[in-house]
Amino acid sequence: MNELPWIEIISAVVVLAGGGGIAGLLVARRRRRTQDQGDARATVEPGSTVEPVEAPSVEPAETPVSTAPALEHPAPTAGRLVRLRDRLARSGSPLGARLLSVLSRDSLTENDWDEIEEELLLADVGAGPTTELLDALRTKVRVLGVREPAAVRDLLRSELVALLQPELDRTLKTEPTTAEDGTHLPAVTLVVGVNGTGKTTTVGKLARVLVADGRSVVLGAADTFRAAAADQLTTWGNRVGVQTVRSDREGADPASVAFEAVARGRDDKTDVVLVDTAGRLQNKAGLMDELGKIVRVASKVAAPSEVLLVLDATTGQNGLSQARVFAEVAGVTGIVLTKLDGTAKGGIVVQVQRELGVPVKLIGLGEGPDDLAPFDVDDFVDGILG
């Protein structure tokens, strides 16, 4: 039994010796191969050339392509008026061709006058303005005996222009001011209205109007209750190089966003700050109180110079009821009428101005980014008369 450990020791020595011999053979073979390669290089004759070994080609790293969108250049507002007037002329408004057709008849009966009244009411001109227009037309047609198409058109045109109150000031107040201490104060425009009227889109289009007129602009995304509103407004701003002030969380205090946007406009010496407010229902008292808060808080930096109410021209009387409530809460200074293309509701222009004593300042006649233009009474009437 004492012989077993010795046998194990002898076996281990043999294995180690064998392993060392194998390792020695491998080292000797490697040394011999290296020496042969050195001899081969040494035996190259003088003057002979050795073909260089080409290094593997390496493709240059691709330069990252910038994903920043190219800035757009909005169309001048002057060119838009003609385009929008032509589009309005093709909309088939009952204030146009149908009225001219009735007034051009050889003799006007009571049924004809009833037809004219019906067309005006369907166009949302309103009962009061309709009565005024009918009385004026009856008198002049009877006294002047107008029957020729051109004369009828001139007569109707002059009465419609008077009905639209061309004396109202429709200019947008976009001039920055200076405080008593010399601080720059931007012109602040609040845009209000219910969801579905195109309010946020109108803010983006209005930014393009101002940029086209050479104004610097800051956008305030104070519609914090609708998830996509801030993203939508940011996209509009990016297209024309306009900065958007927004909250980093949904449901943030709208008034604080408005305050920050106006303060940014003041610090950056921006011409105009456009604030998009929440599209709240006008019969929700708490939400309307929030709109009043936005006005008060923004005024701590600079009082709003414009409060624009966006109305959908197709809503008729509903739009008028919205206008009344918003005017009480926010002190509306101007109306923006959207979706006037292809609609018979153009008469809302007359009624809303009469109801509020506030002018329509901008109209939208299409879905394109530059389909918003300053409202001009003469162009509007010429458009609907064709």
Protein backbone atom coordinates (compact mmCIF):
# COMPACT_ATOMS: atom_id res chain seq x y z
CA MET A 1 0.00 0.00 0.00
CA ASN A 2 2.96 2.35 0.58
CA GLU A 3 4.05 1.98 -3.05
CA LEU A 4 1.03 3.77 -4.54
CA PRO A 5 2.10 7.36 -3.76
CA TRP A 6 5.47 6.81 -5.41
CA ILE A 7 3.87 5.50 -8.55
CA GLU A 8 1.68 8.60 -8.76
CA ILE A 9 4.68 10.95 -8.30
CA ILE A 10 6.69 9.18 -11.03
CA SER A 11 3.68 9.40 -13.41
CA ALA A 12 3.32 13.14 -12.81
CA VAL A 13 7.03 13.77 -13.52
CA VAL A 14 6.76 11.89 -16.80
CA VAL A 15 3.72 13.91 -17.87
CA LEU A 16 5.41 17.19 -17.01
CA ALA A 17 8.56 16.20 -18.84
CA GLY A 18 6.55 15.18 -21.88
CA GLY A 19 4.61 18.45 -21.81
CA GLY A 20 7.84 20.43 -21.57
CA GLY A 21 9.25 18.55 -24.54
CA ILE A 22 6.23 19.32 -26.66
CA ALA A 23 6.37 23.01 -25.68
CA GLY A 24 10.06 23.10 -26.58
CA LEU A 25 9.36 21.63 -30.00
CA LEU A 26 6.71 24.28 -30.68
CA VAL A 27 9.07 27.13 -29.66
CA ALA A 28 11.90 25.77 -31.82
CA ARG A 29 9.59 25.45 -34.84
CA ARG A 30 8.41 29.06 -34.43
CA ARG A 31 12.00 30.36 -34.19
CA ARG A 32 13.01 28.42 -37.33
CA ARG A 33 10.06 29.90 -39.33
CA THR A 34 10.96 33.46 -38.29
CA GLN A 35 14.62 32.92 -39.26
CA ASP A 36 13.63 31.59 -42.71
CA GLN A 37 11.48 34.70 -43.36
CA GLY A 38 14.36 36.97 -42.34
CA ASP A 39 16.75 35.10 -44.68
CA ALA A 40 14.30 35.49 -47.53
CA ARG A 41 14.18 39.26 -47.02
CA ALA A 42 17.97 39.43 -46.79
CA THR A 43 18.44 37.60 -50.13
CA VAL A 44 16.60 40.28 -52.20
CA GLU A 45 19.12 41.53 -54.75
CA PRO A 46 20.11 45.22 -54.78
CA GLY A 47 18.10 47.30 -57.29
CA SER A 48 15.22 44.88 -57.34
CA THR A 49 11.79 46.07 -56.30
CA VAL A 50 9.35 44.53 -53.94
CA GLU A 51 5.68 44.90 -54.69
CA PRO A 52 4.09 46.75 -51.79
CA VAL A 53 1.22 45.06 -50.04
CA GLU A 54 -1.89 47.20 -50.29
CA ALA A 55 -3.62 48.00 -47.05
CA PRO A 56 -7.28 47.14 -46.97
CA SER A 57 -9.43 50.11 -48.03
CA VAL A 58 -11.52 51.79 -45.36
CA GLU A 59 -14.76 53.55 -46.32
CA PRO A 60 -14.92 57.09 -44.91
CA ALA A 61 -17.53 57.59 -42.24
CA GLU A 62 -20.72 59.18 -43.56
CA THR A 63 -21.35 62.73 -42.43
CA PRO A 64 -24.67 62.93 -40.61
CA VAL A 65 -27.28 64.75 -42.68
CA SER A 66 -29.03 67.58 -40.87
CA THR A 67 -32.73 66.87 -40.31
CA ALA A 68 -33.64 70.49 -39.57
CA PRO A 69 -36.47 71.54 -41.91
CA ALA A 70 -35.78 74.33 -44.37
CA LEU A 71 -37.47 77.59 -43.44
CA GLU A 72 -40.51 78.49 -45.50
CA HIS A 73 -41.13 81.96 -46.89
CA PRO A 74 -44.81 82.88 -46.49
CA ALA A 75 -46.58 84.56 -49.39
CA PRO A 76 -47.03 88.35 -49.09
CA THR A 77 -50.44 89.34 -47.74
CA ALA A 78 -51.10 91.65 -50.70
CA GLY A 79 -51.17 88.74 -53.13
CA ARG A 80 -53.50 86.73 -50.94
CA LEU A 81 -56.42 89.12 -51.21
CA VAL A 82 -56.88 88.58 -54.92
CA ARG A 83 -56.57 84.81 -54.57
CA LEU A 84 -59.03 84.64 -51.69
CA ARG A 85 -61.50 86.92 -53.47
CA ASP A 86 -61.49 84.63 -56.51
CA ARG A 87 -62.04 81.62 -54.25
CA LEU A 88 -64.95 83.35 -52.53
CA ALA A 89 -66.48 84.20 -55.91
CA ARG A 90 -66.52 80.49 -56.79
CA SER A 91 -68.24 79.50 -53.54
CA GLY A 92 -71.74 80.21 -54.87
CA SER A 93 -72.85 82.42 -51.94
CA PRO A 94 -76.57 83.30 -52.00
CA LEU A 95 -75.52 86.90 -51.40
CA GLY A 96 -74.24 86.84 -54.97
CA ALA A 97 -75.64 85.39 -58.16
CA ARG A 98 -79.09 84.50 -56.82
CA LEU A 99 -79.76 87.99 -55.46
CA LEU A 100 -78.63 89.58 -58.70
CA SER A 101 -80.87 87.21 -60.64
CA VAL A 102 -83.98 88.21 -58.68
CA LEU A 103 -83.24 91.95 -58.72
CA SER A 104 -82.77 91.91 -62.50
CA ARG A 105 -86.33 90.73 -63.20
CA ASP A 106 -88.58 93.08 -65.17
CA SER A 107 -91.04 93.55 -62.35
CA LEU A 108 -90.51 92.61 -58.72
CA THR A 109 -93.49 91.12 -56.92
CA GLU A 110 -93.91 90.52 -53.21
CA ASN A 111 -92.90 86.92 -53.82
CA ASP A 112 -89.64 88.16 -55.31
CA TRP A 113 -88.93 90.31 -52.27
CA ASP A 114 -89.77 87.37 -50.02
CA GLU A 115 -87.27 85.29 -51.97
CA ILE A 116 -84.57 87.93 -51.46
CA GLU A 117 -85.35 88.05 -47.73
CA GLU A 118 -85.13 84.27 -47.46
CA GLU A 119 -81.74 84.19 -49.19
CA LEU A 120 -80.36 86.84 -46.86
CA LEU A 121 -81.62 85.05 -43.75
CA LEU A 122 -80.19 81.73 -44.95
CA ALA A 123 -76.86 83.48 -45.31
CA ASP A 124 -77.01 84.49 -41.62
CA VAL A 125 -77.20 88.20 -42.33
CA GLY A 126 -79.64 88.50 -39.43
CA ALA A 127 -83.19 89.80 -39.17
CA GLY A 128 -82.33 93.44 -38.43
CA PRO A 129 -79.72 93.93 -41.15
CA THR A 130 -81.91 92.03 -43.63
CA THR A 131 -84.83 94.39 -43.03
CA GLU A 132 -82.55 97.41 -43.47
CA LEU A 133 -81.14 96.07 -46.73
CA LEU A 134 -84.57 95.19 -48.14
CA ASP A 135 -86.00 98.63 -47.32
CA ALA A 136 -83.07 100.37 -49.00
CA LEU A 137 -83.29 98.18 -52.10
CA ARG A 138 -87.08 98.55 -52.41
CA THR A 139 -86.81 102.33 -52.28
CA LYS A 140 -83.99 102.67 -54.80
CA VAL A 141 -85.39 100.11 -57.23
CA ARG A 142 -88.78 101.89 -57.21
CA VAL A 143 -87.36 105.40 -57.44
CA LEU A 144 -84.52 104.72 -59.87
CA GLY A 145 -86.26 101.99 -61.86
CA VAL A 146 -83.07 99.96 -61.97
CA ARG A 147 -83.23 96.93 -64.25
CA GLU A 148 -79.99 96.69 -66.19
CA PRO A 149 -77.70 93.96 -64.76
CA ALA A 150 -74.72 96.30 -64.33
CA ALA A 151 -76.85 98.92 -62.58
CA VAL A 152 -78.46 96.29 -60.34
CA ARG A 153 -75.05 94.98 -59.38
CA ASP A 154 -73.77 98.48 -58.54
CA LEU A 155 -76.86 99.14 -56.43
CA LEU A 156 -76.58 95.87 -54.50
CA ARG A 157 -72.85 96.33 -54.07
CA SER A 158 -73.18 99.80 -52.54
CA GLU A 159 -75.85 98.61 -50.08
CA LEU A 160 -73.81 95.55 -49.01
CA VAL A 161 -70.69 97.66 -48.49
CA ALA A 162 -72.65 100.05 -46.26
CA LEU A 163 -74.07 97.08 -44.33
CA LEU A 164 -70.56 95.77 -43.60
CA GLN A 165 -69.53 99.03 -41.89
CA PRO A 166 -66.38 99.93 -43.83
CA GLU A 167 -65.62 102.67 -41.30
CA LEU A 168 -64.55 100.12 -38.64
CA ASP A 169 -60.83 99.93 -37.91
CA ARG A 170 -59.62 96.51 -39.10
CA THR A 171 -55.88 96.96 -38.64
CA LEU A 172 -54.01 94.53 -36.40
CA LYS A 173 -52.16 96.22 -33.56
CA THR A 174 -48.73 94.64 -33.94
CA GLU A 175 -46.49 97.56 -33.03
CA PRO A 176 -44.33 96.98 -29.91
CA THR A 177 -44.26 99.76 -27.34
CA THR A 178 -41.87 101.08 -24.70
CA ALA A 179 -42.64 101.29 -20.99
CA GLU A 180 -41.95 104.42 -18.96
CA ASP A 181 -38.67 102.93 -17.72
CA GLY A 182 -37.54 102.20 -21.28
CA THR A 183 -38.39 98.47 -21.21
CA HIS A 184 -39.35 96.94 -24.56
CA LEU A 185 -42.94 95.68 -24.53
CA PRO A 186 -44.14 93.39 -27.34
CA ALA A 187 -47.59 93.65 -28.86
CA VAL A 188 -49.56 90.79 -27.27
CA THR A 189 -52.34 89.03 -29.18
CA LEU A 190 -54.55 86.47 -27.43
CA VAL A 191 -56.45 84.08 -29.71
CA VAL A 192 -59.63 82.60 -28.23
CA GLY A 193 -62.39 80.32 -29.44
CA VAL A 194 -63.93 76.89 -28.98
CA ASN A 195 -62.43 73.65 -30.25
CA GLY A 196 -63.20 72.86 -33.87
CA THR A 197 -63.14 76.42 -35.17
CA GLY A 198 -59.54 76.14 -36.36
CA LYS A 199 -58.12 78.25 -33.54
CA THR A 200 -54.64 76.72 -33.20
CA THR A 201 -54.28 76.50 -36.96
CA THR A 202 -55.28 80.16 -37.20
CA VAL A 203 -52.52 81.09 -34.73
CA GLY A 204 -49.98 79.30 -36.92
CA LYS A 205 -51.30 80.98 -40.07
CA LEU A 206 -51.33 84.38 -38.37
CA ALA A 207 -47.68 83.88 -37.44
CA ARG A 208 -46.98 83.40 -41.15
CA VAL A 209 -48.88 86.61 -41.95
CA LEU A 210 -46.77 88.55 -39.46
CA VAL A 211 -43.50 87.00 -40.65
CA ALA A 212 -44.44 87.87 -44.24
CA ASP A 213 -44.94 91.47 -43.08
CA GLY A 214 -41.46 91.53 -41.51
CA ARG A 215 -42.48 91.09 -37.86
CA SER A 216 -40.60 89.00 -35.30
CA VAL A 217 -42.90 86.62 -33.42
CA VAL A 218 -43.00 84.40 -30.32
CA LEU A 219 -45.77 81.80 -29.94
CA GLY A 220 -47.28 80.83 -26.58
CA ALA A 221 -48.89 77.36 -26.38
CA ALA A 222 -51.32 78.07 -23.53
CA ASP A 223 -53.83 75.44 -24.71
CA THR A 224 -52.42 72.94 -22.21
CA PHE A 225 -55.57 70.83 -21.94
CA ARG A 226 -55.41 69.44 -25.48
CA ALA A 227 -52.47 67.08 -25.90
CA ALA A 228 -51.67 67.83 -29.54
CA ALA A 229 -52.11 71.60 -29.41
CA ALA A 230 -48.56 72.46 -28.28
CA ASP A 231 -47.00 70.05 -30.78
CA GLN A 232 -49.16 71.45 -33.56
CA LEU A 233 -48.23 75.02 -32.71
CA THR A 234 -44.52 74.16 -32.45
CA THR A 235 -44.63 72.65 -35.93
CA TRP A 236 -46.19 75.82 -37.34
CA GLY A 237 -43.53 77.93 -35.67
CA ASN A 238 -40.62 75.79 -36.82
CA ARG A 239 -41.66 76.19 -40.44
CA VAL A 240 -41.02 79.93 -40.36
CA GLY A 241 -38.31 80.09 -37.70
CA VAL A 242 -40.57 81.23 -34.86
CA GLN A 243 -39.95 80.13 -31.27
CA THR A 244 -42.75 78.45 -29.30
CA VAL A 245 -42.98 78.71 -25.50
CA ARG A 246 -44.72 75.64 -24.08
CA SER A 247 -45.03 73.62 -20.90
CA ASP A 248 -43.17 70.34 -20.47
CA ARG A 249 -46.27 68.62 -19.11
CA GLU A 250 -49.87 68.30 -20.16
CA GLY A 251 -52.46 70.12 -18.04
CA ALA A 252 -50.07 72.82 -16.80
CA ASP A 253 -51.41 76.21 -15.76
CA PRO A 254 -52.30 78.05 -19.02
CA ALA A 255 -51.80 81.45 -17.42
CA SER A 256 -48.20 80.62 -16.45
CA VAL A 257 -47.42 79.62 -20.05
CA ALA A 258 -48.92 82.88 -21.32
CA PHE A 259 -46.90 84.84 -18.77
CA GLU A 260 -43.66 83.10 -19.76
CA ALA A 261 -44.33 83.70 -23.48
CA VAL A 262 -44.93 87.43 -22.97
CA ALA A 263 -41.85 87.68 -20.74
CA ARG A 264 -39.78 85.94 -23.42
CA GLY A 265 -41.04 88.42 -26.00
CA ARG A 266 -40.09 91.29 -23.74
CA ASP A 267 -36.59 89.95 -23.00
CA ASP A 268 -35.89 89.06 -26.65
CA LYS A 269 -37.33 92.38 -27.88
CA THR A 270 -39.82 90.57 -30.10
CA ASP A 271 -42.44 92.55 -32.03
CA VAL A 272 -45.47 90.31 -31.41
CA VAL A 273 -46.39 87.52 -28.98
CA LEU A 274 -49.26 85.28 -30.14
CA VAL A 275 -50.89 83.25 -27.36
CA ASP A 276 -53.07 80.26 -28.22
CA THR A 277 -55.62 79.70 -25.44
CA ALA A 278 -57.61 76.59 -24.59
CA GLY A 279 -60.58 75.78 -26.80
CA ARG A 280 -63.05 75.70 -23.97
CA LEU A 281 -66.82 75.49 -24.24
CA GLN A 282 -68.33 78.91 -23.69
CA ASN A 283 -70.95 77.62 -21.23
CA LYS A 284 -68.36 76.26 -18.78
CA ALA A 285 -68.02 78.99 -16.18
CA GLY A 286 -64.84 77.61 -14.59
CA LEU A 287 -63.03 77.38 -17.90
CA MET A 288 -64.09 80.88 -18.89
CA ASP A 289 -62.72 82.09 -15.56
CA GLU A 290 -59.41 80.54 -16.57
CA LEU A 291 -59.45 82.63 -19.75
CA GLY A 292 -59.98 85.75 -17.66
CA LYS A 293 -57.00 84.68 -15.54
CA ILE A 294 -54.80 84.43 -18.64
CA VAL A 295 -55.68 88.02 -19.56
CA ARG A 296 -54.88 89.26 -16.06
CA VAL A 297 -51.61 87.37 -15.69
CA ALA A 298 -50.30 88.29 -19.15
CA SER A 299 -51.07 91.93 -18.38
CA LYS A 300 -48.51 91.87 -15.55
CA VAL A 301 -45.84 91.98 -18.27
CA ALA A 302 -47.71 93.64 -21.15
CA ALA A 303 -51.44 94.14 -21.56
CA PRO A 304 -52.94 92.42 -24.62
CA SER A 305 -53.26 94.78 -27.57
CA GLU A 306 -55.51 92.35 -29.45
CA VAL A 307 -57.94 89.62 -28.40
CA LEU A 308 -59.02 87.80 -31.55
CA LEU A 309 -62.03 85.50 -31.48
CA VAL A 310 -61.93 82.67 -34.04
CA LEU A 311 -65.36 81.75 -35.40
CA ASP A 312 -66.34 79.04 -37.84
CA ALA A 313 -68.43 80.77 -40.52
CA THR A 314 -70.52 77.62 -41.02
CA THR A 315 -71.91 77.65 -37.46
CA GLY A 316 -74.21 80.65 -37.95
CA GLN A 317 -76.18 81.51 -34.81
CA ASN A 318 -74.05 79.20 -32.66
CA GLY A 319 -71.03 81.25 -33.62
CA LEU A 320 -72.84 84.42 -32.60
CA SER A 321 -73.69 83.05 -29.16
CA GLN A 322 -70.03 82.10 -28.71
CA ALA A 323 -69.00 85.62 -29.66
CA ARG A 324 -71.24 87.18 -27.00
CA VAL A 325 -69.78 85.14 -24.14
CA PHE A 326 -66.15 85.51 -25.18
CA ALA A 327 -66.60 89.25 -25.62
CA GLU A 328 -67.82 89.56 -22.04
CA VAL A 329 -64.92 87.57 -20.58
CA ALA A 330 -61.92 88.54 -22.68
CA GLY A 331 -62.76 91.90 -24.22
CA VAL A 332 -62.65 90.77 -27.86
CA THR A 333 -61.15 93.36 -30.22
CA GLY A 334 -61.48 91.53 -33.53
CA ILE A 335 -63.00 88.50 -35.26
CA VAL A 336 -61.30 85.88 -37.39
CA LEU A 337 -63.78 84.07 -39.64
CA THR A 338 -62.61 80.67 -40.87
CA LYS A 339 -64.07 78.23 -43.41
CA LEU A 340 -65.72 80.85 -45.59
CA ASP A 341 -64.90 78.83 -48.72
CA GLY A 342 -67.84 76.94 -50.18
CA THR A 343 -70.25 78.09 -47.47
CA ALA A 344 -73.46 80.11 -47.52
CA LYS A 345 -72.79 81.61 -44.10
CA GLY A 346 -70.91 84.73 -45.17
CA GLY A 347 -73.66 86.91 -43.75
CA ILE A 348 -72.32 86.16 -40.27
CA VAL A 349 -69.84 88.97 -40.97
CA VAL A 350 -72.69 91.48 -40.84
CA GLN A 351 -74.41 90.05 -37.81
CA VAL A 352 -71.38 89.54 -35.59
CA GLN A 353 -70.16 93.06 -36.23
CA ARG A 354 -73.58 94.50 -35.44
CA GLU A 355 -73.93 92.41 -32.29
CA LEU A 356 -70.52 93.13 -30.78
CA GLY A 357 -69.47 96.37 -32.41
CA VAL A 358 -66.23 94.52 -33.20
CA PRO A 359 -64.80 94.31 -36.73
CA VAL A 360 -63.92 91.18 -38.66
CA LYS A 361 -60.17 91.55 -39.14
CA LEU A 362 -59.11 88.29 -40.80
CA ILE A 363 -60.78 85.68 -42.98
CA GLY A 364 -59.79 82.17 -43.98
CA LEU A 365 -60.89 80.66 -47.27
CA GLY A 366 -58.94 77.42 -47.51
CA GLU A 367 -56.76 74.76 -45.92
CA GLY A 368 -53.43 76.03 -47.25
CA PRO A 369 -50.86 77.57 -44.87
CA ASP A 370 -51.24 80.99 -46.51
CA ASP A 371 -55.04 80.96 -46.88
CA LEU A 372 -55.54 83.64 -44.22
CA ALA A 373 -55.76 87.30 -45.16
CA PRO A 374 -56.80 90.67 -43.74
CA PHE A 375 -60.50 91.32 -44.26
CA ASP A 376 -61.31 94.01 -46.80
CA VAL A 377 -64.94 95.07 -47.26
CA ASP A 378 -64.69 95.95 -50.95
CA ASP A 379 -62.85 92.73 -51.84
CA PHE A 380 -65.33 90.67 -49.84
CA VAL A 381 -68.39 92.17 -51.53
CA ASP A 382 -66.83 91.87 -54.98
CA GLY A 383 -66.04 88.24 -54.20
CA ILE A 384 -69.56 87.25 -53.21
CA LEU A 385 -71.12 89.15 -56.12
CA GLY A 386 -68.76 87.49 -58.59
